[in-house]
């Protein structure tokens, strides 16, 4: 809705660069669900794997100018490394060279504050070297890491604004760091609250949440609008899918979500997310 309200283009990108974690049929299920809910994207579906050459080119650029380096550290090697809010803080073991052949590739960081003004969550700042250390941009198994892939793809696709769940916000400073090193533009960021179980855990397949239904589409869409604190009128429950979207676009407001980090599923109303199939 944010893209529609601002006369922008909303793109669909399937992030399919991690084959070991992909589930058979997941892509078709995702696209079927988007169509069932009336979500209309611009242009063709973009498959991240199609950008593999661009990912490798960006990686090589960082290696050529010594901003990235090979690292042979295993999880066992880092078992005693300090941990922070972003996970293990890499101690820089391989920064000055590595004689192992089985390696990942890490990006060099420093403690320059990386700040951005999130459209909902306000000013955010991280110091990467002390909070995460040099992070992996190509895995030991040869796969490009998420952080580098999305940065390259956002640049290729001319992305100007990113609206995503607050559970991804901790990745933003790392992505901005890569954008700066590669000379890319930095998009605007808006991190919206995620729906949670009553105990605060994010509603997800991992935490036992049922999949989004492909039936009962209209009441689920109304429930989503309520979760986003958009206050749809009661008579909208009997409206067509197209009319629901028209109302949502015409009345979309970010302000009610200002500073909100989570929305309990109990606050949405009756749990209607009970149909199958499950989304990945």
Protein backbone atom coordinates (compact mmCIF):
# COMPACT_ATOMS: atom_id res chain seq x y z
CA UNK A 1 0.00 0.00 0.00
CA UNK A 2 2.86 2.37 0.74
CA UNK A 3 4.06 2.02 -2.86
CA UNK A 4 0.55 2.55 -4.26
CA UNK A 5 -0.09 5.63 -2.15
CA UNK A 6 3.18 7.16 -3.33
CA UNK A 7 2.54 6.28 -7.00
CA UNK A 8 5.45 3.84 -6.91
CA UNK A 9 5.97 0.40 -8.35
CA UNK A 10 5.69 -2.68 -6.14
CA UNK A 11 7.94 -5.54 -7.21
CA UNK A 12 7.93 -9.22 -6.33
CA UNK A 13 11.35 -10.80 -5.84
CA UNK A 14 11.73 -14.49 -5.04
CA UNK A 15 14.88 -14.94 -3.00
CA UNK A 16 15.93 -18.34 -4.28
CA UNK A 17 19.68 -18.40 -3.70
CA UNK A 18 19.73 -20.89 -0.82
CA UNK A 19 18.76 -24.26 -2.39
CA UNK A 20 19.37 -26.32 0.79
CA UNK A 21 16.61 -24.38 2.55
CA UNK A 22 14.13 -24.15 -0.31
CA UNK A 23 10.92 -26.16 -0.04
CA UNK A 24 9.41 -27.80 -3.10
CA UNK A 25 6.43 -25.82 -4.36
CA UNK A 26 7.09 -22.83 -2.07
CA UNK A 27 7.43 -20.31 -4.89
CA UNK A 28 4.18 -21.36 -6.58
CA UNK A 29 2.39 -21.21 -3.23
CA UNK A 30 3.66 -17.70 -2.51
CA UNK A 31 2.57 -16.40 -5.92
CA UNK A 32 -0.81 -18.15 -5.64
CA UNK A 33 -1.41 -16.49 -2.27
CA UNK A 34 -0.47 -13.04 -3.58
CA UNK A 35 -2.88 -13.45 -6.48
CA UNK A 36 -5.66 -14.77 -4.22
CA UNK A 37 -5.39 -11.67 -2.05
CA UNK A 38 -5.45 -9.30 -5.01
CA UNK A 39 -1.87 -8.12 -4.60
CA UNK A 40 -0.83 -6.87 -8.03
CA UNK A 41 2.86 -6.46 -8.72
CA UNK A 42 4.61 -4.53 -11.47
CA UNK A 43 6.34 -6.40 -14.27
CA UNK A 44 7.62 -9.95 -14.20
CA UNK A 45 8.45 -11.88 -11.06
CA UNK A 46 12.13 -11.35 -10.27
CA UNK A 47 14.19 -14.39 -9.28
CA UNK A 48 17.24 -13.56 -7.19
CA UNK A 49 19.20 -16.47 -8.67
CA UNK A 50 19.11 -14.69 -12.04
CA UNK A 51 21.41 -12.03 -10.56
CA UNK A 52 24.14 -14.49 -9.59
CA UNK A 53 26.69 -12.93 -11.94
CA UNK A 54 26.04 -9.46 -10.48
CA UNK A 55 26.43 -10.85 -6.95
CA UNK A 56 29.78 -12.41 -7.84
CA UNK A 57 30.94 -9.23 -9.57
CA UNK A 58 30.21 -7.15 -6.47
CA UNK A 59 31.99 -9.72 -4.32
CA UNK A 60 35.06 -9.63 -6.57
CA UNK A 61 35.11 -5.83 -6.45
CA UNK A 62 35.25 -5.94 -2.65
CA UNK A 63 38.03 -8.56 -2.74
CA UNK A 64 40.05 -6.62 -5.32
CA UNK A 65 40.16 -3.50 -3.14
CA UNK A 66 40.85 -5.50 0.03
CA UNK A 67 37.53 -4.65 1.67
CA UNK A 68 36.75 -8.36 1.90
CA UNK A 69 38.90 -11.33 2.84
CA UNK A 70 38.81 -15.10 3.10
CA UNK A 71 38.09 -16.65 6.49
CA UNK A 72 38.61 -20.27 7.51
CA UNK A 73 37.09 -20.01 10.99
CA UNK A 74 34.56 -22.70 11.84
CA UNK A 75 31.76 -22.45 14.37
CA UNK A 76 33.93 -24.46 16.74
CA UNK A 77 36.74 -21.94 16.30
CA UNK A 78 34.37 -19.15 17.31
CA UNK A 79 32.67 -20.96 20.18
CA UNK A 80 34.38 -18.73 22.75
CA UNK A 81 33.97 -15.48 20.83
CA UNK A 82 31.86 -12.79 22.53
CA UNK A 83 28.21 -12.49 21.59
CA UNK A 84 26.15 -9.37 21.07
CA UNK A 85 22.63 -8.49 19.99
CA UNK A 86 23.50 -9.46 16.40
CA UNK A 87 25.00 -12.82 17.35
CA UNK A 88 28.65 -13.85 17.51
CA UNK A 89 31.02 -10.87 17.32
CA UNK A 90 33.75 -11.96 14.95
CA UNK A 91 37.16 -11.28 16.59
CA UNK A 92 39.05 -10.67 13.34
CA UNK A 93 41.05 -13.91 13.43
CA UNK A 94 41.61 -14.10 9.65
CA UNK A 95 41.84 -10.38 8.89
CA UNK A 96 45.55 -10.55 8.16
CA UNK A 97 45.54 -13.78 6.20
CA UNK A 98 44.24 -17.33 6.19
CA UNK A 99 46.05 -20.47 5.07
CA UNK A 100 42.98 -22.71 4.90
CA UNK A 101 41.44 -23.71 1.56
CA UNK A 102 37.88 -24.21 2.80
CA UNK A 103 36.82 -20.63 3.46
CA UNK A 104 34.00 -18.15 3.66
CA UNK A 105 34.44 -14.48 2.72
CA UNK A 106 33.93 -11.67 5.22
CA UNK A 107 33.57 -7.92 4.76
CA UNK A 108 35.77 -5.59 6.79
CA UNK A 109 33.96 -3.33 9.23
CA UNK A 110 34.94 -0.52 11.56
CA UNK A 111 33.23 1.27 14.41
CA UNK A 112 32.03 4.28 12.46
CA UNK A 113 28.40 4.80 13.60
CA UNK A 114 25.96 3.76 10.88
CA UNK A 115 22.72 5.64 11.33
CA UNK A 116 19.45 5.83 9.46
CA UNK A 117 16.10 7.43 10.18
CA UNK A 118 13.50 4.70 10.02
CA UNK A 119 10.10 5.88 8.80
CA UNK A 120 8.36 4.30 11.81
CA UNK A 121 10.97 3.41 14.39
CA UNK A 122 12.96 6.65 14.32
CA UNK A 123 16.72 7.09 14.48
CA UNK A 124 18.71 3.84 14.51
CA UNK A 125 22.47 3.47 15.00
CA UNK A 126 24.86 0.53 15.04
CA UNK A 127 28.63 0.21 15.33
CA UNK A 128 29.35 -2.88 13.31
CA UNK A 129 32.87 -3.78 14.39
CA UNK A 130 31.96 -3.91 18.07
CA UNK A 131 28.37 -5.21 17.62
CA UNK A 132 28.89 -7.90 14.96
CA UNK A 133 32.44 -7.76 13.70
CA UNK A 134 33.31 -8.55 10.09
CA UNK A 135 30.32 -10.45 8.73
CA UNK A 136 30.06 -13.14 6.06
CA UNK A 137 29.14 -12.14 2.50
CA UNK A 138 29.90 -15.50 0.88
CA UNK A 139 29.37 -18.71 2.77
CA UNK A 140 31.78 -21.60 3.11
CA UNK A 141 29.46 -23.70 0.90
CA UNK A 142 29.92 -21.22 -1.94
CA UNK A 143 26.55 -19.48 -1.67
CA UNK A 144 26.30 -15.69 -1.63
CA UNK A 145 25.05 -14.49 1.75
CA UNK A 146 21.71 -12.72 2.13
CA UNK A 147 23.20 -9.35 3.11
CA UNK A 148 25.22 -8.94 -0.08
CA UNK A 149 22.59 -10.42 -2.40
CA UNK A 150 19.78 -8.10 -1.33
CA UNK A 151 22.03 -5.04 -1.53
CA UNK A 152 23.05 -5.85 -5.09
CA UNK A 153 19.48 -6.68 -6.12
CA UNK A 154 18.05 -3.49 -4.58
CA UNK A 155 20.57 -1.47 -6.60
CA UNK A 156 19.87 -3.38 -9.82
CA UNK A 157 16.11 -2.88 -9.43
CA UNK A 158 16.35 0.81 -8.51
CA UNK A 159 14.65 0.33 -5.14
CA UNK A 160 14.01 3.68 -3.44
CA UNK A 161 11.96 2.62 -0.40
CA UNK A 162 11.93 -0.65 1.53
CA UNK A 163 8.96 -1.57 3.75
CA UNK A 164 9.55 -4.76 5.73
CA UNK A 165 9.11 -6.37 9.13
CA UNK A 166 10.89 -5.00 12.17
CA UNK A 167 12.49 -8.42 12.64
CA UNK A 168 14.81 -7.50 9.74
CA UNK A 169 15.78 -4.09 11.09
CA UNK A 170 19.01 -5.34 12.68
CA UNK A 171 20.25 -6.18 9.17
CA UNK A 172 19.84 -2.65 7.86
CA UNK A 173 23.11 -1.18 9.13
CA UNK A 174 25.06 -4.05 7.55
CA UNK A 175 23.28 -3.47 4.27
CA UNK A 176 23.96 0.28 4.40
CA UNK A 177 27.63 -0.49 5.07
CA UNK A 178 27.79 -2.63 1.92
CA UNK A 179 25.93 0.04 -0.06
CA UNK A 180 28.52 2.63 0.92
CA UNK A 181 31.48 0.38 0.12
CA UNK A 182 30.03 -0.46 -3.32
CA UNK A 183 29.02 3.13 -4.11
CA UNK A 184 25.31 2.30 -4.17
CA UNK A 185 22.33 4.46 -3.23
CA UNK A 186 20.74 3.92 0.18
CA UNK A 187 16.94 3.51 0.03
CA UNK A 188 14.55 4.84 2.65
CA UNK A 189 13.54 2.25 5.23
CA UNK A 190 10.25 1.61 7.04
CA UNK A 191 10.15 -1.31 9.47
CA UNK A 192 6.61 -2.28 10.40
CA UNK A 193 5.63 -4.26 13.51
CA UNK A 194 5.19 -8.00 13.18
CA UNK A 195 2.25 -10.00 14.53
CA UNK A 196 3.27 -11.99 17.60
CA UNK A 197 2.03 -14.80 19.79
CA UNK A 198 0.84 -13.66 23.24
CA UNK A 199 4.31 -14.51 24.61
CA UNK A 200 5.92 -12.04 22.19
CA UNK A 201 7.39 -14.55 19.72
CA UNK A 202 6.91 -13.64 16.06
CA UNK A 203 4.01 -15.40 14.36
CA UNK A 204 5.76 -17.79 11.99
CA UNK A 205 5.87 -21.38 10.85
CA UNK A 206 8.86 -21.90 13.16
CA UNK A 207 6.74 -20.92 16.18
CA UNK A 208 3.78 -23.08 15.15
CA UNK A 209 1.60 -20.49 13.44
CA UNK A 210 -0.79 -21.87 10.81
CA UNK A 211 -0.43 -20.82 7.20
CA UNK A 212 -2.25 -17.95 5.59
CA UNK A 213 -5.57 -19.21 4.20
CA UNK A 214 -6.28 -19.23 0.50
CA UNK A 215 -9.97 -19.20 1.33
CA UNK A 216 -11.72 -16.65 3.56
CA UNK A 217 -9.54 -14.08 1.83
CA UNK A 218 -11.64 -11.00 2.58
CA UNK A 219 -11.95 -11.48 6.36
CA UNK A 220 -8.22 -12.23 6.54
CA UNK A 221 -7.45 -9.04 4.65
CA UNK A 222 -9.71 -7.05 6.98
CA UNK A 223 -7.93 -8.63 9.95
CA UNK A 224 -4.59 -7.58 8.48
CA UNK A 225 -5.81 -3.99 8.12
CA UNK A 226 -6.92 -4.03 11.75
CA UNK A 227 -3.55 -5.42 12.79
CA UNK A 228 -1.93 -2.49 11.00
CA UNK A 229 -4.28 -0.16 12.93
CA UNK A 230 -5.99 1.17 9.80
CA UNK A 231 -9.51 0.92 11.31
CA UNK A 232 -11.53 -0.39 8.35
CA UNK A 233 -15.29 0.33 8.71
CA UNK A 234 -17.56 -2.56 9.66
CA UNK A 235 -19.42 -2.50 6.34
CA UNK A 236 -16.16 -3.22 4.49
CA UNK A 237 -16.47 -6.87 5.55
CA UNK A 238 -19.18 -7.30 2.90
CA UNK A 239 -17.27 -5.45 0.18
CA UNK A 240 -15.51 -6.97 -2.82
CA UNK A 241 -11.79 -7.64 -2.71
CA UNK A 242 -11.22 -4.76 -5.11
CA UNK A 243 -13.26 -2.37 -2.93
CA UNK A 244 -11.30 -3.41 0.16
CA UNK A 245 -8.05 -2.57 -1.60
CA UNK A 246 -9.39 0.75 -2.87
CA UNK A 247 -10.41 1.70 0.66
CA UNK A 248 -7.03 0.60 2.02
CA UNK A 249 -5.08 2.64 -0.53
CA UNK A 250 -7.21 5.74 -0.05
CA UNK A 251 -7.00 5.58 3.75
CA UNK A 252 -3.49 4.21 4.32
CA UNK A 253 -1.71 5.94 7.22
CA UNK A 254 1.63 5.06 8.77
CA UNK A 255 1.18 7.31 11.81
CA UNK A 256 -0.82 4.81 13.95
CA UNK A 257 2.15 2.44 13.75
CA UNK A 258 4.71 5.00 14.89
CA UNK A 259 7.07 3.32 17.35
CA UNK A 260 5.01 0.10 17.49
CA UNK A 261 7.28 -2.96 17.44
CA UNK A 262 4.80 -5.83 17.80
CA UNK A 263 1.09 -6.60 17.50
CA UNK A 264 -0.30 -9.47 19.56
CA UNK A 265 -2.46 -11.87 17.57
CA UNK A 266 -4.97 -11.67 20.42
CA UNK A 267 -5.59 -8.00 19.64
CA UNK A 268 -6.69 -8.72 16.07
CA UNK A 269 -9.84 -10.63 16.97
CA UNK A 270 -10.88 -14.21 16.26
CA UNK A 271 -8.05 -16.33 14.95
CA UNK A 272 -9.00 -16.90 11.33
CA UNK A 273 -5.55 -17.99 10.20
CA UNK A 274 -6.42 -21.66 10.37
CA UNK A 275 -6.64 -22.83 6.78
CA UNK A 276 -4.02 -24.66 4.79
CA UNK A 277 -1.77 -24.84 2.87
CA UNK A 278 0.96 -23.27 5.00
CA UNK A 279 3.15 -20.57 3.64
CA UNK A 280 6.92 -21.23 3.82
